[in-house]
Amino acid sequence: MTAVFSHGRLRLYLLRLLADGPKHGYELIRLLEDRFHGLYAPSAGTIYPRLQRLEVEGLVAHTAAGGRKTYEITDAGRAELRQRAGELADLESDIRASVADLTSLADEIRDEVTGSVRDLKRELREATRQTREARQTRRGRWEAPPSMPVPPAPYQGQESLAEFDQRLTAFVAEIRSLVYGRRFTDAQLSTAIRVLDGTVDGLRRLLR
């Protein structure tokens, strides 16, 4: 329950709403939701026990039709409203202030969510762009991103990628045949590993 209705004030406001005419419980819930611009709506578990208490106290009465109870204020209920007119005026003032605060908070949350969604969309667009460029690179339709200099010569396309794959495969096969076809000392293998590492580092720098 919103803080404005603490200390039994919801009970008083229900009498205020029923003073305008008979209503069933869900009508009262809808009226309260409208009063708070949709930012607050009490549950049936909040409203009906209070209506029952008001009925026990003789301030409201109900009639039943079609399985639905319709509540109306009694003379005793109207008398209580008159006696508590000052409290009701204060309550109306507090409701207006609460609505203003809730509206302001809702606007802040909406702005934050809108900004977050906008940032997320921008990140998704950028990720999509980068993915598209990566796919174009793999397919041989290379386009330089804005942050990269355009290469001096056109990218060679799918044929160059295929040639590179063939040469790489042949290189790996040749090294394997050399290593497994004869015996090497640990020192020779260590030297070969350093040469391979240096080759990989050189290619990495070249292709970045």
N, C-alpha and C. Protein backbone atom coordinates (compact mmCIF):
# COMPACT_ATOMS: atom_id res chain seq x y z
N MET A 1 0.84 -1.19 0.00
CA MET A 1 0.00 0.00 0.00
C MET A 1 0.88 1.24 0.00
N THR A 2 0.49 2.24 -0.81
CA THR A 2 1.25 3.47 -0.84
C THR A 2 1.22 4.15 0.52
N ALA A 3 2.29 4.86 0.88
CA ALA A 3 2.45 5.43 2.22
C ALA A 3 1.36 6.45 2.54
N VAL A 4 0.79 7.06 1.52
CA VAL A 4 -0.22 8.08 1.76
C VAL A 4 -1.47 7.49 2.45
N PHE A 5 -1.65 6.17 2.33
CA PHE A 5 -2.82 5.53 2.92
C PHE A 5 -2.49 4.79 4.21
N SER A 6 -1.41 5.17 4.87
CA SER A 6 -1.08 4.53 6.14
C SER A 6 -2.00 5.03 7.24
N HIS A 7 -2.00 4.31 8.35
CA HIS A 7 -2.76 4.70 9.56
C HIS A 7 -4.26 4.82 9.28
N GLY A 8 -4.81 3.86 8.53
CA GLY A 8 -6.25 3.82 8.34
C GLY A 8 -6.84 4.84 7.38
N ARG A 9 -6.00 5.53 6.62
CA ARG A 9 -6.53 6.57 5.73
C ARG A 9 -7.21 5.99 4.49
N LEU A 10 -6.84 4.76 4.11
CA LEU A 10 -7.53 4.14 2.97
C LEU A 10 -9.00 3.92 3.32
N ARG A 11 -9.24 3.52 4.54
CA ARG A 11 -10.63 3.33 5.02
C ARG A 11 -11.44 4.61 4.83
N LEU A 12 -10.84 5.75 5.17
CA LEU A 12 -11.52 7.03 5.03
C LEU A 12 -11.76 7.36 3.56
N TYR A 13 -10.80 7.06 2.72
CA TYR A 13 -10.95 7.40 1.31
C TYR A 13 -11.98 6.49 0.63
N LEU A 14 -12.11 5.26 1.08
CA LEU A 14 -13.16 4.40 0.55
C LEU A 14 -14.54 4.99 0.84
N LEU A 15 -14.71 5.54 2.04
CA LEU A 15 -15.97 6.22 2.36
C LEU A 15 -16.18 7.41 1.43
N ARG A 16 -15.11 8.14 1.14
CA ARG A 16 -15.19 9.28 0.24
C ARG A 16 -15.65 8.85 -1.15
N LEU A 17 -15.11 7.75 -1.67
CA LEU A 17 -15.50 7.28 -3.00
C LEU A 17 -16.95 6.76 -3.01
N LEU A 18 -17.34 6.09 -1.94
CA LEU A 18 -18.70 5.57 -1.88
C LEU A 18 -19.74 6.67 -1.68
N ALA A 19 -19.29 7.83 -1.19
CA ALA A 19 -20.21 8.95 -1.03
C ALA A 19 -20.74 9.44 -2.38
N ASP A 20 -20.02 9.14 -3.46
CA ASP A 20 -20.46 9.55 -4.80
C ASP A 20 -21.48 8.58 -5.39
N GLY A 21 -21.68 7.42 -4.75
CA GLY A 21 -22.65 6.45 -5.24
C GLY A 21 -22.19 5.04 -4.99
N PRO A 22 -23.11 4.06 -5.03
CA PRO A 22 -22.78 2.65 -4.77
C PRO A 22 -21.75 2.13 -5.78
N LYS A 23 -20.89 1.24 -5.29
CA LYS A 23 -19.85 0.68 -6.16
C LYS A 23 -19.48 -0.70 -5.65
N HIS A 24 -19.07 -1.56 -6.57
CA HIS A 24 -18.53 -2.85 -6.13
C HIS A 24 -17.02 -2.72 -5.96
N GLY A 25 -16.41 -3.74 -5.40
CA GLY A 25 -15.00 -3.64 -5.01
C GLY A 25 -14.06 -3.30 -6.16
N TYR A 26 -14.27 -3.93 -7.30
CA TYR A 26 -13.34 -3.68 -8.41
C TYR A 26 -13.52 -2.28 -9.01
N GLU A 27 -14.69 -1.72 -8.87
CA GLU A 27 -14.86 -0.31 -9.28
C GLU A 27 -14.02 0.60 -8.39
N LEU A 28 -13.99 0.31 -7.10
CA LEU A 28 -13.19 1.11 -6.18
C LEU A 28 -11.70 0.98 -6.51
N ILE A 29 -11.27 -0.26 -6.83
CA ILE A 29 -9.87 -0.46 -7.22
C ILE A 29 -9.54 0.35 -8.46
N ARG A 30 -10.44 0.34 -9.45
CA ARG A 30 -10.19 1.07 -10.70
C ARG A 30 -10.17 2.58 -10.47
N LEU A 31 -11.06 3.06 -9.61
CA LEU A 31 -11.07 4.50 -9.30
C LEU A 31 -9.77 4.93 -8.63
N LEU A 32 -9.28 4.11 -7.71
CA LEU A 32 -8.01 4.44 -7.04
C LEU A 32 -6.85 4.40 -8.04
N GLU A 33 -6.87 3.42 -8.93
CA GLU A 33 -5.82 3.35 -9.96
C GLU A 33 -5.85 4.59 -10.85
N ASP A 34 -7.05 5.01 -11.25
CA ASP A 34 -7.17 6.22 -12.07
C ASP A 34 -6.69 7.46 -11.30
N ARG A 35 -7.01 7.50 -10.00
CA ARG A 35 -6.62 8.66 -9.20
C ARG A 35 -5.10 8.80 -9.16
N PHE A 36 -4.38 7.66 -9.21
CA PHE A 36 -2.93 7.68 -9.17
C PHE A 36 -2.31 7.52 -10.57
N HIS A 37 -3.12 7.79 -11.58
CA HIS A 37 -2.64 7.76 -12.97
C HIS A 37 -2.03 6.41 -13.34
N GLY A 38 -2.57 5.35 -12.76
CA GLY A 38 -2.09 4.02 -13.08
C GLY A 38 -0.81 3.62 -12.37
N LEU A 39 -0.27 4.49 -11.52
CA LEU A 39 1.00 4.20 -10.85
C LEU A 39 0.81 3.45 -9.54
N TYR A 40 -0.43 3.35 -9.08
CA TYR A 40 -0.73 2.59 -7.87
C TYR A 40 -2.12 2.01 -8.01
N ALA A 41 -2.27 0.76 -7.66
CA ALA A 41 -3.59 0.13 -7.64
C ALA A 41 -3.61 -0.87 -6.49
N PRO A 42 -4.53 -0.70 -5.54
CA PRO A 42 -4.60 -1.65 -4.42
C PRO A 42 -5.11 -3.00 -4.91
N SER A 43 -4.74 -4.04 -4.22
CA SER A 43 -5.20 -5.38 -4.57
C SER A 43 -6.56 -5.63 -3.95
N ALA A 44 -7.22 -6.67 -4.45
CA ALA A 44 -8.50 -7.06 -3.87
C ALA A 44 -8.32 -7.44 -2.40
N GLY A 45 -7.15 -8.04 -2.08
CA GLY A 45 -6.87 -8.41 -0.71
C GLY A 45 -6.68 -7.22 0.21
N THR A 46 -6.48 -6.05 -0.37
CA THR A 46 -6.38 -4.82 0.42
C THR A 46 -7.74 -4.18 0.61
N ILE A 47 -8.55 -4.18 -0.45
CA ILE A 47 -9.82 -3.45 -0.46
C ILE A 47 -10.92 -4.20 0.30
N TYR A 48 -11.14 -5.47 0.00
CA TYR A 48 -12.31 -6.17 0.55
C TYR A 48 -12.29 -6.32 2.07
N PRO A 49 -11.16 -6.62 2.70
CA PRO A 49 -11.19 -6.66 4.17
C PRO A 49 -11.58 -5.33 4.79
N ARG A 50 -11.18 -4.22 4.17
CA ARG A 50 -11.54 -2.91 4.71
C ARG A 50 -13.03 -2.62 4.51
N LEU A 51 -13.56 -3.05 3.37
CA LEU A 51 -15.00 -2.89 3.16
C LEU A 51 -15.79 -3.72 4.18
N GLN A 52 -15.32 -4.91 4.45
CA GLN A 52 -16.00 -5.74 5.44
C GLN A 52 -15.95 -5.11 6.82
N ARG A 53 -14.79 -4.50 7.14
CA ARG A 53 -14.67 -3.84 8.44
C ARG A 53 -15.60 -2.63 8.53
N LEU A 54 -15.68 -1.87 7.44
CA LEU A 54 -16.59 -0.72 7.41
C LEU A 54 -18.05 -1.17 7.57
N GLU A 55 -18.35 -2.34 6.99
CA GLU A 55 -19.72 -2.85 7.12
C GLU A 55 -20.01 -3.28 8.55
N VAL A 56 -19.03 -3.91 9.19
CA VAL A 56 -19.21 -4.31 10.59
C VAL A 56 -19.46 -3.09 11.46
N GLU A 57 -18.78 -1.99 11.12
CA GLU A 57 -18.93 -0.75 11.90
C GLU A 57 -20.19 0.01 11.53
N GLY A 58 -20.93 -0.48 10.57
CA GLY A 58 -22.19 0.17 10.19
C GLY A 58 -21.99 1.39 9.30
N LEU A 59 -20.82 1.57 8.72
CA LEU A 59 -20.55 2.74 7.89
C LEU A 59 -20.87 2.50 6.42
N VAL A 60 -20.92 1.23 6.00
CA VAL A 60 -21.34 0.88 4.65
C VAL A 60 -22.26 -0.32 4.75
N ALA A 61 -23.00 -0.56 3.67
CA ALA A 61 -23.85 -1.74 3.56
C ALA A 61 -23.69 -2.28 2.15
N HIS A 62 -24.06 -3.54 1.96
CA HIS A 62 -23.91 -4.08 0.61
C HIS A 62 -25.18 -4.81 0.19
N THR A 63 -25.36 -4.89 -1.10
CA THR A 63 -26.39 -5.72 -1.70
C THR A 63 -25.69 -6.67 -2.66
N ALA A 64 -26.24 -7.86 -2.82
CA ALA A 64 -25.62 -8.87 -3.68
C ALA A 64 -26.52 -9.15 -4.86
N ALA A 65 -25.92 -9.19 -6.04
CA ALA A 65 -26.66 -9.50 -7.27
C ALA A 65 -25.69 -10.15 -8.26
N GLY A 66 -26.07 -11.30 -8.78
CA GLY A 66 -25.22 -11.98 -9.75
C GLY A 66 -23.89 -12.39 -9.19
N GLY A 67 -23.83 -12.70 -7.91
CA GLY A 67 -22.58 -13.12 -7.30
C GLY A 67 -21.63 -11.97 -7.00
N ARG A 68 -22.09 -10.73 -7.13
CA ARG A 68 -21.23 -9.57 -6.90
C ARG A 68 -21.86 -8.68 -5.83
N LYS A 69 -21.01 -8.21 -4.91
CA LYS A 69 -21.48 -7.32 -3.85
C LYS A 69 -21.29 -5.87 -4.28
N THR A 70 -22.34 -5.09 -4.10
CA THR A 70 -22.26 -3.66 -4.36
C THR A 70 -22.37 -2.93 -3.02
N TYR A 71 -21.41 -2.06 -2.74
CA TYR A 71 -21.35 -1.38 -1.45
C TYR A 71 -21.85 0.05 -1.60
N GLU A 72 -22.55 0.52 -0.54
CA GLU A 72 -22.99 1.91 -0.50
C GLU A 72 -22.81 2.46 0.91
N ILE A 73 -22.58 3.74 0.98
CA ILE A 73 -22.34 4.38 2.27
C ILE A 73 -23.66 4.53 3.03
N THR A 74 -23.59 4.41 4.32
CA THR A 74 -24.78 4.59 5.16
C THR A 74 -24.81 6.01 5.72
N ASP A 75 -25.87 6.33 6.41
CA ASP A 75 -25.96 7.64 7.05
C ASP A 75 -24.84 7.80 8.08
N ALA A 76 -24.52 6.71 8.78
CA ALA A 76 -23.44 6.78 9.76
C ALA A 76 -22.11 7.05 9.05
N GLY A 77 -21.92 6.48 7.86
CA GLY A 77 -20.71 6.73 7.10
C GLY A 77 -20.62 8.17 6.66
N ARG A 78 -21.72 8.76 6.21
CA ARG A 78 -21.72 10.17 5.80
C ARG A 78 -21.43 11.08 6.99
N ALA A 79 -21.95 10.68 8.15
CA ALA A 79 -21.71 11.47 9.35
C ALA A 79 -20.21 11.45 9.69
N GLU A 80 -19.57 10.31 9.53
CA GLU A 80 -18.13 10.23 9.81
C GLU A 80 -17.35 11.09 8.84
N LEU A 81 -17.76 11.11 7.57
CA LEU A 81 -17.07 11.96 6.59
C LEU A 81 -17.17 13.43 6.99
N ARG A 82 -18.34 13.85 7.46
CA ARG A 82 -18.49 15.25 7.87
C ARG A 82 -17.61 15.56 9.08
N GLN A 83 -17.54 14.63 10.00
CA GLN A 83 -16.73 14.84 11.20
C GLN A 83 -15.23 14.88 10.88
N ARG A 84 -14.85 14.19 9.85
CA ARG A 84 -13.43 14.09 9.50
C ARG A 84 -13.10 14.86 8.23
N ALA A 85 -13.84 15.92 7.98
CA ALA A 85 -13.65 16.70 6.75
C ALA A 85 -12.23 17.26 6.67
N GLY A 86 -11.69 17.70 7.80
CA GLY A 86 -10.33 18.24 7.80
C GLY A 86 -9.30 17.18 7.43
N GLU A 87 -9.47 15.98 8.02
CA GLU A 87 -8.56 14.89 7.68
C GLU A 87 -8.65 14.53 6.20
N LEU A 88 -9.89 14.55 5.68
CA LEU A 88 -10.08 14.21 4.27
C LEU A 88 -9.41 15.23 3.36
N ALA A 89 -9.49 16.51 3.72
CA ALA A 89 -8.83 17.56 2.93
C ALA A 89 -7.32 17.36 2.94
N ASP A 90 -6.77 17.04 4.12
CA ASP A 90 -5.32 16.77 4.20
C ASP A 90 -4.95 15.56 3.35
N LEU A 91 -5.82 14.54 3.38
CA LEU A 91 -5.56 13.33 2.61
C LEU A 91 -5.55 13.64 1.11
N GLU A 92 -6.50 14.43 0.66
CA GLU A 92 -6.54 14.81 -0.76
C GLU A 92 -5.27 15.55 -1.16
N SER A 93 -4.80 16.43 -0.28
CA SER A 93 -3.56 17.17 -0.55
C SER A 93 -2.36 16.23 -0.63
N ASP A 94 -2.32 15.27 0.29
CA ASP A 94 -1.22 14.30 0.29
C ASP A 94 -1.26 13.40 -0.95
N ILE A 95 -2.48 13.07 -1.40
CA ILE A 95 -2.61 12.26 -2.60
C ILE A 95 -2.07 13.01 -3.81
N ARG A 96 -2.40 14.30 -3.92
CA ARG A 96 -1.89 15.10 -5.04
C ARG A 96 -0.36 15.14 -5.03
N ALA A 97 0.22 15.32 -3.83
CA ALA A 97 1.68 15.35 -3.72
C ALA A 97 2.28 13.99 -4.05
N SER A 98 1.63 12.92 -3.60
CA SER A 98 2.13 11.58 -3.88
C SER A 98 2.08 11.28 -5.37
N VAL A 99 1.00 11.69 -6.02
CA VAL A 99 0.88 11.48 -7.47
C VAL A 99 1.99 12.22 -8.20
N ALA A 100 2.26 13.46 -7.76
CA ALA A 100 3.33 14.24 -8.40
C ALA A 100 4.68 13.55 -8.22
N ASP A 101 4.94 13.04 -7.01
CA ASP A 101 6.21 12.35 -6.75
C ASP A 101 6.32 11.07 -7.58
N LEU A 102 5.23 10.30 -7.63
CA LEU A 102 5.25 9.06 -8.39
C LEU A 102 5.43 9.32 -9.88
N THR A 103 4.79 10.38 -10.36
CA THR A 103 4.91 10.74 -11.78
C THR A 103 6.34 11.13 -12.10
N SER A 104 6.96 11.93 -11.20
CA SER A 104 8.34 12.34 -11.41
C SER A 104 9.27 11.14 -11.40
N LEU A 105 9.05 10.21 -10.46
CA LEU A 105 9.87 9.00 -10.39
C LEU A 105 9.68 8.15 -11.64
N ALA A 106 8.43 8.04 -12.08
CA ALA A 106 8.17 7.25 -13.29
C ALA A 106 8.86 7.86 -14.50
N ASP A 107 8.86 9.20 -14.57
CA ASP A 107 9.54 9.87 -15.68
C ASP A 107 11.04 9.60 -15.64
N GLU A 108 11.64 9.65 -14.43
CA GLU A 108 13.07 9.38 -14.31
C GLU A 108 13.40 7.94 -14.74
N ILE A 109 12.58 7.00 -14.28
CA ILE A 109 12.81 5.61 -14.64
C ILE A 109 12.65 5.41 -16.14
N ARG A 110 11.62 6.06 -16.71
CA ARG A 110 11.40 5.94 -18.15
C ARG A 110 12.58 6.50 -18.93
N ASP A 111 13.11 7.65 -18.46
CA ASP A 111 14.27 8.24 -19.13
C ASP A 111 15.48 7.33 -19.04
N GLU A 112 15.70 6.73 -17.85
CA GLU A 112 16.84 5.83 -17.68
C GLU A 112 16.70 4.61 -18.57
N VAL A 113 15.48 4.04 -18.60
CA VAL A 113 15.26 2.85 -19.42
C VAL A 113 15.42 3.19 -20.89
N THR A 114 14.87 4.36 -21.29
CA THR A 114 14.99 4.77 -22.69
C THR A 114 16.46 4.94 -23.07
N GLY A 115 17.23 5.58 -22.18
CA GLY A 115 18.65 5.76 -22.44
C GLY A 115 19.38 4.43 -22.52
N SER A 116 19.04 3.51 -21.61
CA SER A 116 19.68 2.20 -21.62
C SER A 116 19.35 1.44 -22.89
N VAL A 117 18.09 1.50 -23.29
CA VAL A 117 17.69 0.81 -24.52
C VAL A 117 18.38 1.43 -25.73
N ARG A 118 18.49 2.78 -25.71
CA ARG A 118 19.16 3.45 -26.82
C ARG A 118 20.63 3.03 -26.89
N ASP A 119 21.30 2.96 -25.72
CA ASP A 119 22.70 2.53 -25.70
C ASP A 119 22.83 1.08 -26.18
N LEU A 120 21.89 0.23 -25.73
CA LEU A 120 21.94 -1.17 -26.13
C LEU A 120 21.75 -1.31 -27.63
N LYS A 121 20.81 -0.55 -28.18
CA LYS A 121 20.59 -0.61 -29.63
C LYS A 121 21.83 -0.16 -30.38
N ARG A 122 22.48 0.90 -29.87
CA ARG A 122 23.68 1.39 -30.53
C ARG A 122 24.78 0.32 -30.47
N GLU A 123 24.93 -0.34 -29.30
CA GLU A 123 25.93 -1.39 -29.19
C GLU A 123 25.61 -2.56 -30.11
N LEU A 124 24.34 -2.91 -30.21
CA LEU A 124 23.96 -4.01 -31.09
C LEU A 124 24.21 -3.66 -32.55
N ARG A 125 23.92 -2.41 -32.92
CA ARG A 125 24.19 -2.00 -34.30
C ARG A 125 25.69 -2.07 -34.60
N GLU A 126 26.51 -1.63 -33.63
CA GLU A 126 27.96 -1.66 -33.82
C GLU A 126 28.45 -3.10 -33.91
N ALA A 127 27.91 -3.98 -33.04
CA ALA A 127 28.31 -5.39 -33.07
C ALA A 127 27.90 -6.03 -34.40
N THR A 128 26.70 -5.66 -34.88
CA THR A 128 26.24 -6.19 -36.16
C THR A 128 27.15 -5.72 -37.29
N ARG A 129 27.55 -4.45 -37.24
CA ARG A 129 28.43 -3.91 -38.28
C ARG A 129 29.77 -4.64 -38.28
N GLN A 130 30.32 -4.83 -37.07
CA GLN A 130 31.61 -5.51 -36.98
C GLN A 130 31.50 -6.95 -37.46
N THR A 131 30.40 -7.62 -37.10
CA THR A 131 30.21 -9.00 -37.55
C THR A 131 30.10 -9.07 -39.06
N ARG A 132 29.36 -8.11 -39.63
CA ARG A 132 29.21 -8.08 -41.09
C ARG A 132 30.56 -7.88 -41.77
N GLU A 133 31.38 -6.97 -41.21
CA GLU A 133 32.70 -6.72 -41.79
C GLU A 133 33.59 -7.95 -41.69
N ALA A 134 33.47 -8.66 -40.52
CA ALA A 134 34.28 -9.87 -40.35
C ALA A 134 33.87 -10.93 -41.36
N ARG A 135 32.55 -11.05 -41.61
CA ARG A 135 32.09 -12.03 -42.59
C ARG A 135 32.55 -11.65 -43.99
N GLN A 136 32.50 -10.35 -44.29
CA GLN A 136 32.96 -9.92 -45.61
C GLN A 136 34.44 -10.19 -45.79
N THR A 137 35.20 -10.04 -44.69
CA THR A 137 36.63 -10.33 -44.76
C THR A 137 36.87 -11.80 -45.07
N ARG A 138 36.11 -12.68 -44.37
CA ARG A 138 36.29 -14.11 -44.60
C ARG A 138 35.87 -14.51 -46.01
N ARG A 139 34.87 -13.79 -46.55
CA ARG A 139 34.40 -14.12 -47.90
C ARG A 139 35.21 -13.44 -48.99
N GLY A 140 36.16 -12.60 -48.59
CA GLY A 140 37.02 -11.95 -49.57
C GLY A 140 36.49 -10.62 -50.05
N ARG A 141 35.42 -10.11 -49.45
CA ARG A 141 34.92 -8.79 -49.83
C ARG A 141 35.27 -7.82 -48.71
N TRP A 142 36.54 -7.50 -48.63
CA TRP A 142 37.08 -6.74 -47.50
C TRP A 142 36.77 -5.27 -47.64
N GLU A 143 36.30 -4.64 -46.54
CA GLU A 143 36.10 -3.21 -46.49
C GLU A 143 36.77 -2.71 -45.23
N ALA A 144 37.61 -1.71 -45.35
CA ALA A 144 38.34 -1.21 -44.19
C ALA A 144 37.41 -0.47 -43.26
N PRO A 145 37.39 -0.80 -41.95
CA PRO A 145 36.65 0.01 -40.99
C PRO A 145 37.18 1.43 -40.98
N PRO A 146 36.33 2.41 -40.55
CA PRO A 146 36.75 3.81 -40.57
C PRO A 146 38.03 4.07 -39.80
N SER A 147 38.31 3.28 -38.75
CA SER A 147 39.49 3.53 -37.92
C SER A 147 40.76 2.95 -38.52
N MET A 148 40.65 2.18 -39.61
CA MET A 148 41.82 1.54 -40.20
C MET A 148 42.16 2.20 -41.53
N PRO A 149 43.44 2.36 -41.85
CA PRO A 149 43.81 2.93 -43.14
C PRO A 149 43.47 1.98 -44.27
N VAL A 150 43.08 2.51 -45.38
CA VAL A 150 42.79 1.68 -46.54
C VAL A 150 44.09 1.13 -47.09
N PRO A 151 44.20 -0.17 -47.33
CA PRO A 151 45.46 -0.74 -47.81
C PRO A 151 45.81 -0.19 -49.18
N PRO A 152 47.11 -0.12 -49.49
CA PRO A 152 47.52 0.47 -50.75
C PRO A 152 47.10 -0.33 -51.96
N ALA A 153 46.88 -1.63 -51.79
CA ALA A 153 46.47 -2.45 -52.93
C ALA A 153 45.17 -3.15 -52.57
N PRO A 154 44.33 -3.45 -53.56
CA PRO A 154 43.06 -4.12 -53.27
C PRO A 154 43.29 -5.49 -52.65
N TYR A 155 42.38 -5.86 -51.77
CA TYR A 155 42.45 -7.18 -51.16
C TYR A 155 42.24 -8.23 -52.24
N GLN A 156 43.00 -9.32 -52.16
CA GLN A 156 43.05 -10.25 -53.28
C GLN A 156 41.84 -11.18 -53.36
N GLY A 157 41.05 -11.23 -52.28
CA GLY A 157 39.81 -11.99 -52.38
C GLY A 157 39.95 -13.45 -51.99
N GLN A 158 38.92 -14.22 -52.36
CA GLN A 158 38.83 -15.61 -51.95
C GLN A 158 40.00 -16.45 -52.46
N GLU A 159 40.51 -16.14 -53.66
CA GLU A 159 41.62 -16.92 -54.22
C GLU A 159 42.85 -16.85 -53.33
N SER A 160 43.14 -15.65 -52.81
CA SER A 160 44.30 -15.50 -51.93
C SER A 160 44.13 -16.26 -50.63
N LEU A 161 42.93 -16.25 -50.09
CA LEU A 161 42.68 -17.01 -48.88
C LEU A 161 42.89 -18.50 -49.12
N ALA A 162 42.40 -18.99 -50.24
CA ALA A 162 42.57 -20.41 -50.56
C ALA A 162 44.04 -20.76 -50.72
N GLU A 163 44.79 -19.87 -51.40
CA GLU A 163 46.22 -20.11 -51.59
C GLU A 163 46.95 -20.12 -50.24
N PHE A 164 46.55 -19.17 -49.36
CA PHE A 164 47.18 -19.13 -48.04
C PHE A 164 46.92 -20.41 -47.28
N ASP A 165 45.67 -20.90 -47.31
CA ASP A 165 45.34 -22.14 -46.62
C ASP A 165 46.17 -23.31 -47.16
N GLN A 166 46.32 -23.36 -48.48
CA GLN A 166 47.10 -24.44 -49.08
C GLN A 166 48.57 -24.39 -48.64
N ARG A 167 49.13 -23.19 -48.68
CA ARG A 167 50.53 -23.04 -48.28
C ARG A 167 50.73 -23.38 -46.80
N LEU A 168 49.78 -22.93 -45.98
CA LEU A 168 49.88 -23.21 -44.55
C LEU A 168 49.80 -24.71 -44.29
N THR A 169 48.86 -25.37 -44.96
CA THR A 169 48.73 -26.82 -44.79
C THR A 169 50.00 -27.54 -45.23
N ALA A 170 50.55 -27.11 -46.38
CA ALA A 170 51.77 -27.74 -46.88
C ALA A 170 52.95 -27.52 -45.93
N PHE A 171 53.01 -26.29 -45.35
CA PHE A 171 54.09 -25.97 -44.41
C PHE A 171 54.02 -26.86 -43.18
N VAL A 172 52.81 -26.98 -42.62
CA VAL A 172 52.63 -27.81 -41.42
C VAL A 172 52.98 -29.26 -41.73
N ALA A 173 52.55 -29.75 -42.90
CA ALA A 173 52.84 -31.14 -43.26
C ALA A 173 54.34 -31.37 -43.41
N GLU A 174 55.02 -30.38 -44.01
CA GLU A 174 56.45 -30.53 -44.22
C GLU A 174 57.21 -30.55 -42.89
N ILE A 175 56.84 -29.66 -41.99
CA ILE A 175 57.50 -29.62 -40.68
C ILE A 175 57.25 -30.91 -39.93
N ARG A 176 56.03 -31.42 -39.98
CA ARG A 176 55.72 -32.68 -39.30
C ARG A 176 56.58 -33.82 -39.86
N SER A 177 56.68 -33.86 -41.19
CA SER A 177 57.47 -34.95 -41.79
C SER A 177 58.93 -34.87 -41.40
N LEU A 178 59.44 -33.62 -41.29
CA LEU A 178 60.84 -33.46 -40.88
C LEU A 178 61.06 -33.90 -39.44
N VAL A 179 60.12 -33.51 -38.59
CA VAL A 179 60.28 -33.81 -37.16
C VAL A 179 60.12 -35.30 -36.90
N TYR A 180 59.07 -35.91 -37.47
CA TYR A 180 58.79 -37.31 -37.17
C TYR A 180 59.56 -38.27 -38.06
N GLY A 181 60.22 -37.75 -39.13
CA GLY A 181 60.95 -38.63 -40.03
C GLY A 181 62.36 -38.91 -39.57
N ARG A 182 62.85 -38.17 -38.65
CA ARG A 182 64.22 -38.39 -38.16
C ARG A 182 64.31 -37.96 -36.71
N ARG A 183 65.38 -38.29 -36.08
CA ARG A 183 65.54 -37.95 -34.67
C ARG A 183 66.22 -36.59 -34.53
N PHE A 184 65.70 -35.80 -33.58
CA PHE A 184 66.31 -34.52 -33.26
C PHE A 184 66.66 -34.51 -31.78
N THR A 185 67.69 -33.76 -31.48
CA THR A 185 68.03 -33.58 -30.06
C THR A 185 67.05 -32.59 -29.44
N ASP A 186 67.01 -32.61 -28.11
CA ASP A 186 66.15 -31.66 -27.40
C ASP A 186 66.53 -30.22 -27.74
N ALA A 187 67.83 -29.97 -27.90
CA ALA A 187 68.28 -28.62 -28.22
C ALA A 187 67.79 -28.18 -29.59
N GLN A 188 67.85 -29.12 -30.55
CA GLN A 188 67.38 -28.79 -31.90
C GLN A 188 65.86 -28.51 -31.90
N LEU A 189 65.11 -29.33 -31.18
CA LEU A 189 63.65 -29.12 -31.10
C LEU A 189 63.33 -27.80 -30.42
N SER A 190 64.06 -27.46 -29.38
CA SER A 190 63.84 -26.18 -28.69
C SER A 190 64.10 -25.02 -29.63
N THR A 191 65.17 -25.16 -30.43
CA THR A 191 65.47 -24.10 -31.40
C THR A 191 64.37 -24.01 -32.45
N ALA A 192 63.88 -25.16 -32.92
CA ALA A 192 62.80 -25.16 -33.91
C ALA A 192 61.54 -24.51 -33.34
N ILE A 193 61.25 -24.78 -32.07
CA ILE A 193 60.07 -24.18 -31.43
C ILE A 193 60.20 -22.67 -31.37
N ARG A 194 61.42 -22.18 -31.04
CA ARG A 194 61.62 -20.73 -30.99
C ARG A 194 61.45 -20.11 -32.37
N VAL A 195 61.94 -20.82 -33.40
CA VAL A 195 61.77 -20.32 -34.77
C VAL A 195 60.29 -20.25 -35.14
N LEU A 196 59.54 -21.30 -34.78
CA LEU A 196 58.09 -21.29 -35.07
C LEU A 196 57.39 -20.17 -34.31
N ASP A 197 57.75 -19.98 -33.05
CA ASP A 197 57.15 -18.89 -32.27
C ASP A 197 57.44 -17.55 -32.91
N GLY A 198 58.70 -17.38 -33.34
CA GLY A 198 59.04 -16.12 -33.99
C GLY A 198 58.29 -15.92 -35.29
N THR A 199 58.08 -17.01 -36.03
CA THR A 199 57.32 -16.93 -37.28
C THR A 199 55.87 -16.53 -37.01
N VAL A 200 55.28 -17.16 -36.00
CA VAL A 200 53.89 -16.84 -35.63
C VAL A 200 53.77 -15.39 -35.20
N ASP A 201 54.69 -14.92 -34.37
CA ASP A 201 54.65 -13.52 -33.92
C ASP A 201 54.80 -12.58 -35.10
N GLY A 202 55.70 -12.91 -36.03
CA GLY A 202 55.87 -12.06 -37.20
C GLY A 202 54.62 -11.99 -38.05
N LEU A 203 53.98 -13.13 -38.26
CA LEU A 203 52.72 -13.15 -39.03
C LEU A 203 51.62 -12.38 -38.31
N ARG A 204 51.57 -12.52 -36.97
CA ARG A 204 50.54 -11.82 -36.21
C ARG A 204 50.68 -10.32 -36.35
N ARG A 205 51.94 -9.83 -36.27
CA ARG A 205 52.17 -8.40 -36.44
C ARG A 205 51.83 -7.95 -37.88
N LEU A 206 52.14 -8.78 -38.83
CA LEU A 206 51.88 -8.45 -40.22
C LEU A 206 50.39 -8.37 -40.51
N LEU A 207 49.62 -9.26 -39.94
CA LEU A 207 48.21 -9.38 -40.28
C LEU A 207 47.29 -8.54 -39.38
N ARG A 208 47.82 -7.92 -38.39
CA ARG A 208 47.00 -7.07 -37.53
C ARG A 208 46.57 -5.82 -38.27
